Amino acid sequence: MELRRLTLDDLTACSDLAESRSWPREESKWAFLLTHSEGWGLFDDQGLAGTTVVTRYPELASISMVLVAERCARQGHGRRLVSHVLDTGVSTLFATEMGRPLYEQLGFRAVGFTDIHAGVFTGPVSNTSHLAVSADLDELVALDAKVTGITRPFLWESLLAMGSVRLSANGVAGSWRVADDLLLIGPVIADSPADACALIADSAAGNGRARVDVHDPEVVAFVRAHGMESWGESASMVRNADQLPGDRARYHAPILQALG
């Protein structure tokens, strides 16, 4: 097995591997991650056999996209991939029930849970927000850093360029298309669950199929009442820290689980 950095030349192989393990292809998401993060792949004589991605912020590292081809399953390759990107600093990831035992063995522990929801949002807009513009960038970065404890201006620069960002008096929500038929909503930062629901409505209404990953019971009930169904739960996990940084009570949805 050869372990090497992934590049945009590997985009199709990454999408093929994801699809083979019943993940969506989402080539836009892979392209975004391989551009802004550090991707690693295991290769055998049949091609790409495993992947992981690490996004390194000043405060912590976010690990994601841990995939191993079925032909190579249960041979320790997932452990090798994750171990390769771990260091002595704080790391975080989202884990399925299947993946949790490996991550726990590597020193991660669960600090919360997120419920993935997708579908066509059937509710009305709230009309409590407006579209952000490039002049709002510094405000967005500062708010995000306060709430998540992570400094990541590239995220907001990218959202303003390739998607949309909605600002209200009580929060902000981003959205972008990871596939032609799927709008991904997040991050959602809001002072209260009701404010988060209003921002999700303004982002999702009239925009076809959407996905948002939420954890607050009030927000979960809201999206389910308006046409979105649960795709399953994932655990938010952290290593080398007791909790994730920031004011996490105001962080209602990530842009991507891959980005923390």
Protein backbone atom coordinates (compact mmCIF):
# COMPACT_ATOMS: atom_id res chain seq x y z
CA MET A 1 0.00 0.00 0.00
CA GLU A 2 1.25 3.45 -0.95
CA LEU A 3 0.21 6.37 1.25
CA ARG A 4 0.38 9.76 -0.47
CA ARG A 5 -1.24 13.21 -0.60
CA LEU A 6 -4.41 13.48 -2.59
CA THR A 7 -4.80 16.16 -5.27
CA LEU A 8 -7.62 17.35 -7.48
CA ASP A 9 -6.43 14.74 -9.99
CA ASP A 10 -7.81 12.16 -7.54
CA LEU A 11 -11.25 13.75 -7.39
CA THR A 12 -13.04 11.13 -9.48
CA ALA A 13 -11.38 8.28 -7.58
CA CYS A 14 -12.45 9.81 -4.26
CA SER A 15 -16.03 10.17 -5.47
CA ASP A 16 -16.04 6.60 -6.82
CA LEU A 17 -14.79 5.29 -3.48
CA ALA A 18 -17.44 7.25 -1.59
CA GLU A 19 -20.18 5.94 -3.87
CA SER A 20 -18.94 2.36 -3.44
CA ARG A 21 -19.45 2.72 0.34
CA SER A 22 -22.99 4.14 -0.10
CA TRP A 23 -21.92 7.74 0.47
CA PRO A 24 -23.09 10.47 -1.94
CA ARG A 25 -20.57 11.35 -4.66
CA GLU A 26 -20.63 15.09 -3.85
CA GLU A 27 -17.70 15.99 -6.07
CA SER A 28 -18.04 19.68 -5.18
CA LYS A 29 -17.44 18.80 -1.53
CA TRP A 30 -14.38 16.69 -2.33
CA ALA A 31 -13.01 19.47 -4.52
CA PHE A 32 -13.52 22.03 -1.76
CA LEU A 33 -11.80 19.83 0.82
CA LEU A 34 -8.88 18.89 -1.41
CA THR A 35 -8.38 22.59 -2.15
CA HIS A 36 -8.55 23.90 1.41
CA SER A 37 -7.48 20.88 3.45
CA GLU A 38 -4.90 18.09 3.46
CA GLY A 39 -6.11 14.86 1.89
CA TRP A 40 -4.32 11.50 2.16
CA GLY A 41 -4.98 8.34 0.17
CA LEU A 42 -3.96 4.71 0.36
CA PHE A 43 -3.40 3.10 -3.03
CA ASP A 44 -3.06 -0.55 -4.01
CA ASP A 45 -2.80 -2.23 -7.40
CA GLN A 46 -6.52 -1.62 -7.98
CA GLY A 47 -6.39 2.09 -7.26
CA LEU A 48 -7.60 4.21 -4.36
CA ALA A 49 -8.21 2.01 -1.33
CA GLY A 50 -8.72 4.52 1.47
CA THR A 51 -8.92 8.22 2.27
CA THR A 52 -8.82 10.73 5.06
CA VAL A 53 -8.80 14.51 5.13
CA VAL A 54 -7.47 16.83 7.83
CA THR A 55 -8.24 20.53 8.03
CA ARG A 56 -5.68 22.27 10.21
CA TYR A 57 -6.76 25.45 11.98
CA PRO A 58 -4.60 27.45 14.41
CA GLU A 59 -6.67 26.10 17.31
CA LEU A 60 -7.29 22.46 16.33
CA ALA A 61 -7.44 19.93 13.51
CA SER A 62 -10.66 18.53 12.04
CA ILE A 63 -10.45 14.99 10.62
CA SER A 64 -12.94 13.68 8.08
CA MET A 65 -13.69 11.54 5.01
CA VAL A 66 -12.28 8.36 6.56
CA LEU A 67 -13.17 5.74 3.96
CA VAL A 68 -11.76 2.31 3.17
CA ALA A 69 -12.70 0.24 0.12
CA GLU A 70 -14.71 -2.89 0.82
CA ARG A 71 -11.88 -5.06 -0.56
CA CYS A 72 -9.57 -3.66 2.13
CA ALA A 73 -11.99 -3.51 5.05
CA ARG A 74 -11.06 -4.79 8.51
CA GLN A 75 -7.33 -4.78 7.80
CA GLY A 76 -6.32 -1.78 9.93
CA HIS A 77 -6.19 0.74 7.08
CA GLY A 78 -8.64 3.14 8.72
CA ARG A 79 -6.45 3.24 11.83
CA ARG A 80 -3.37 3.85 9.69
CA LEU A 81 -5.01 6.74 7.85
CA VAL A 82 -6.30 8.48 10.97
CA SER A 83 -3.08 7.90 12.90
CA HIS A 84 -1.11 9.47 10.07
CA VAL A 85 -2.82 12.85 10.50
CA LEU A 86 -2.94 12.92 14.31
CA ASP A 87 -0.52 15.08 16.25
CA THR A 88 -0.18 16.22 19.87
CA GLY A 89 -2.71 19.04 19.48
CA VAL A 90 -6.49 19.04 19.78
CA SER A 91 -8.35 17.08 17.10
CA THR A 92 -12.05 16.73 16.39
CA LEU A 93 -14.23 14.62 14.10
CA PHE A 94 -17.76 13.37 13.60
CA ALA A 95 -18.21 9.61 13.89
CA THR A 96 -20.87 7.12 12.91
CA GLU A 97 -21.75 4.37 15.34
CA MET A 98 -19.59 2.02 13.25
CA GLY A 99 -16.55 4.29 13.43
CA ARG A 100 -16.72 5.26 17.09
CA PRO A 101 -14.86 2.23 18.52
CA LEU A 102 -11.77 2.96 16.38
CA TYR A 103 -11.74 6.64 17.32
CA GLU A 104 -12.18 5.83 21.01
CA GLN A 105 -9.15 3.53 20.79
CA LEU A 106 -7.20 6.46 19.32
CA GLY A 107 -8.11 8.71 22.27
CA PHE A 108 -11.25 10.48 21.05
CA ARG A 109 -14.34 10.84 23.21
CA ALA A 110 -17.88 11.89 22.34
CA VAL A 111 -18.93 15.37 23.49
CA GLY A 112 -22.22 15.68 21.60
CA PHE A 113 -24.44 14.32 18.85
CA THR A 114 -25.75 15.70 15.56
CA ASP A 115 -28.73 14.48 13.54
CA ILE A 116 -28.41 14.71 9.75
CA HIS A 117 -31.62 15.88 8.03
CA ALA A 118 -32.41 16.15 4.35
CA GLY A 119 -35.41 16.77 2.14
CA VAL A 120 -37.43 19.55 0.56
CA PHE A 121 -38.19 22.18 3.17
CA THR A 122 -41.93 22.88 3.03
CA GLY A 123 -42.18 25.85 5.38
CA PRO A 124 -42.32 29.55 4.50
CA VAL A 125 -39.45 32.01 4.71
CA SER A 126 -39.18 33.93 7.96
CA ASN A 127 -38.06 37.18 6.31
CA THR A 128 -35.83 37.92 9.30
CA SER A 129 -32.52 37.91 7.41
CA HIS A 130 -30.77 39.51 4.46
CA LEU A 131 -27.97 38.43 2.15
CA ALA A 132 -24.48 39.22 3.38
CA VAL A 133 -21.92 40.85 1.10
CA SER A 134 -18.13 40.93 0.97
CA ALA A 135 -18.06 43.97 3.23
CA ASP A 136 -19.47 41.74 6.01
CA LEU A 137 -16.50 39.34 5.89
CA ASP A 138 -14.70 40.60 9.00
CA GLU A 139 -17.92 40.48 11.03
CA LEU A 140 -18.62 36.91 9.87
CA VAL A 141 -15.11 35.68 10.68
CA ALA A 142 -15.17 37.29 14.12
CA LEU A 143 -18.59 35.86 15.01
CA ASP A 144 -17.58 32.40 13.82
CA ALA A 145 -14.36 32.51 15.84
CA LYS A 146 -16.24 33.55 18.98
CA VAL A 147 -18.85 30.81 18.68
CA THR A 148 -16.71 27.92 17.38
CA GLY A 149 -13.34 28.89 18.84
CA ILE A 150 -11.85 28.38 15.36
CA THR A 151 -10.24 30.97 13.08
CA ARG A 152 -11.19 30.16 9.48
CA PRO A 153 -11.61 33.16 7.17
CA PHE A 154 -11.31 30.92 4.07
CA LEU A 155 -14.65 29.35 4.96
CA TRP A 156 -16.56 32.64 4.83
CA GLU A 157 -14.63 33.91 1.82
CA SER A 158 -15.63 30.73 0.00
CA LEU A 159 -19.28 30.88 1.07
CA LEU A 160 -19.61 34.47 -0.07
CA ALA A 161 -18.06 33.54 -3.43
CA MET A 162 -19.72 30.19 -4.23
CA GLY A 163 -22.89 30.13 -2.12
CA SER A 164 -24.88 32.53 -0.01
CA VAL A 165 -24.75 33.86 3.53
CA ARG A 166 -27.78 35.23 5.34
CA LEU A 167 -27.43 37.63 8.26
CA SER A 168 -30.06 38.51 10.84
CA ALA A 169 -29.98 40.56 14.01
CA ASN A 170 -29.47 37.30 15.92
CA GLY A 171 -27.20 35.14 13.80
CA VAL A 172 -25.97 33.94 10.44
CA ALA A 173 -26.47 30.96 8.12
CA GLY A 174 -24.48 29.90 5.09
CA SER A 175 -25.52 27.60 2.26
CA TRP A 176 -23.97 26.13 -0.89
CA ARG A 177 -24.66 23.37 -3.38
CA VAL A 178 -22.60 20.22 -2.90
CA ALA A 179 -24.51 18.61 -5.79
CA ASP A 180 -26.90 19.89 -8.45
CA ASP A 181 -29.83 18.57 -6.46
CA LEU A 182 -28.66 19.21 -2.89
CA LEU A 183 -28.22 22.47 -0.99
CA LEU A 184 -26.10 22.15 2.14
CA ILE A 185 -27.08 24.60 4.89
CA GLY A 186 -24.48 25.69 7.44
CA PRO A 187 -22.84 27.00 9.43
CA VAL A 188 -25.86 28.15 11.40
CA ILE A 189 -24.91 30.43 14.28
CA ALA A 190 -27.79 31.86 16.27
CA ASP A 191 -28.56 33.25 19.71
CA SER A 192 -31.46 30.83 20.25
CA PRO A 193 -33.03 27.76 18.65
CA ALA A 194 -35.88 29.93 17.36
CA ASP A 195 -33.39 32.24 15.66
CA ALA A 196 -31.68 29.19 14.12
CA CYS A 197 -35.02 27.94 12.77
CA ALA A 198 -35.72 31.32 11.17
CA LEU A 199 -32.33 31.36 9.45
CA ILE A 200 -32.77 27.78 8.20
CA ALA A 201 -36.18 28.69 6.78
CA ASP A 202 -34.80 31.69 4.93
CA SER A 203 -31.97 29.55 3.52
CA ALA A 204 -33.99 26.46 2.57
CA ALA A 205 -37.43 27.64 1.48
CA GLY A 206 -37.91 27.37 -2.27
CA ASN A 207 -34.47 25.89 -2.89
CA GLY A 208 -35.32 22.21 -3.49
CA ARG A 209 -33.61 19.39 -1.63
CA ALA A 210 -31.51 20.56 1.28
CA ARG A 211 -29.45 19.09 4.08
CA VAL A 212 -28.80 20.52 7.51
CA ASP A 213 -27.10 18.78 10.45
CA VAL A 214 -28.66 19.91 13.73
CA HIS A 215 -28.68 18.82 17.34
CA ASP A 216 -30.96 21.09 19.40
CA PRO A 217 -34.32 19.33 20.02
CA GLU A 218 -36.31 22.45 19.05
CA VAL A 219 -34.46 22.79 15.75
CA VAL A 220 -34.73 19.05 15.06
CA ALA A 221 -38.50 19.21 15.61
CA PHE A 222 -38.76 22.27 13.35
CA VAL A 223 -37.02 20.79 10.32
CA ARG A 224 -38.87 17.48 10.71
CA ALA A 225 -42.19 19.32 10.83
CA HIS A 226 -41.31 20.98 7.53
CA GLY A 227 -40.50 18.07 5.27
CA MET A 228 -36.96 17.06 6.25
CA GLU A 229 -36.17 13.51 7.34
CA SER A 230 -33.41 12.09 9.51
CA TRP A 231 -30.52 10.41 7.72
CA GLY A 232 -28.96 9.24 10.97
CA GLU A 233 -26.95 10.46 13.93
CA SER A 234 -23.25 11.11 14.30
CA ALA A 235 -21.17 11.77 17.40
CA SER A 236 -19.05 14.88 17.76
CA MET A 237 -15.73 13.69 19.21
CA VAL A 238 -12.62 15.43 20.52
CA ARG A 239 -9.09 14.31 21.38
CA ASN A 240 -6.61 16.02 23.75
CA ALA A 241 -9.29 18.32 25.19
CA ASP A 242 -12.28 18.02 27.52
CA GLN A 243 -14.62 19.94 25.23
CA LEU A 244 -14.66 21.76 21.93
CA PRO A 245 -13.78 25.46 22.17
CA GLY A 246 -16.12 28.41 21.80
CA ASP A 247 -19.72 29.16 22.71
CA ARG A 248 -21.10 25.94 21.27
CA ALA A 249 -24.66 26.53 22.53
CA ARG A 250 -24.97 29.07 19.67
CA TYR A 251 -23.51 26.73 17.02
CA HIS A 252 -26.58 25.01 15.59
CA ALA A 253 -25.17 23.43 12.40
CA PRO A 254 -21.75 23.07 10.75
CA ILE A 255 -21.04 23.97 7.14
CA LEU A 256 -19.69 20.45 6.78
CA GLN A 257 -19.06 17.87 9.44
CA ALA A 258 -15.67 17.61 7.76
CA LEU A 259 -14.81 21.18 8.76
CA GLY A 260 -15.78 21.00 12.42
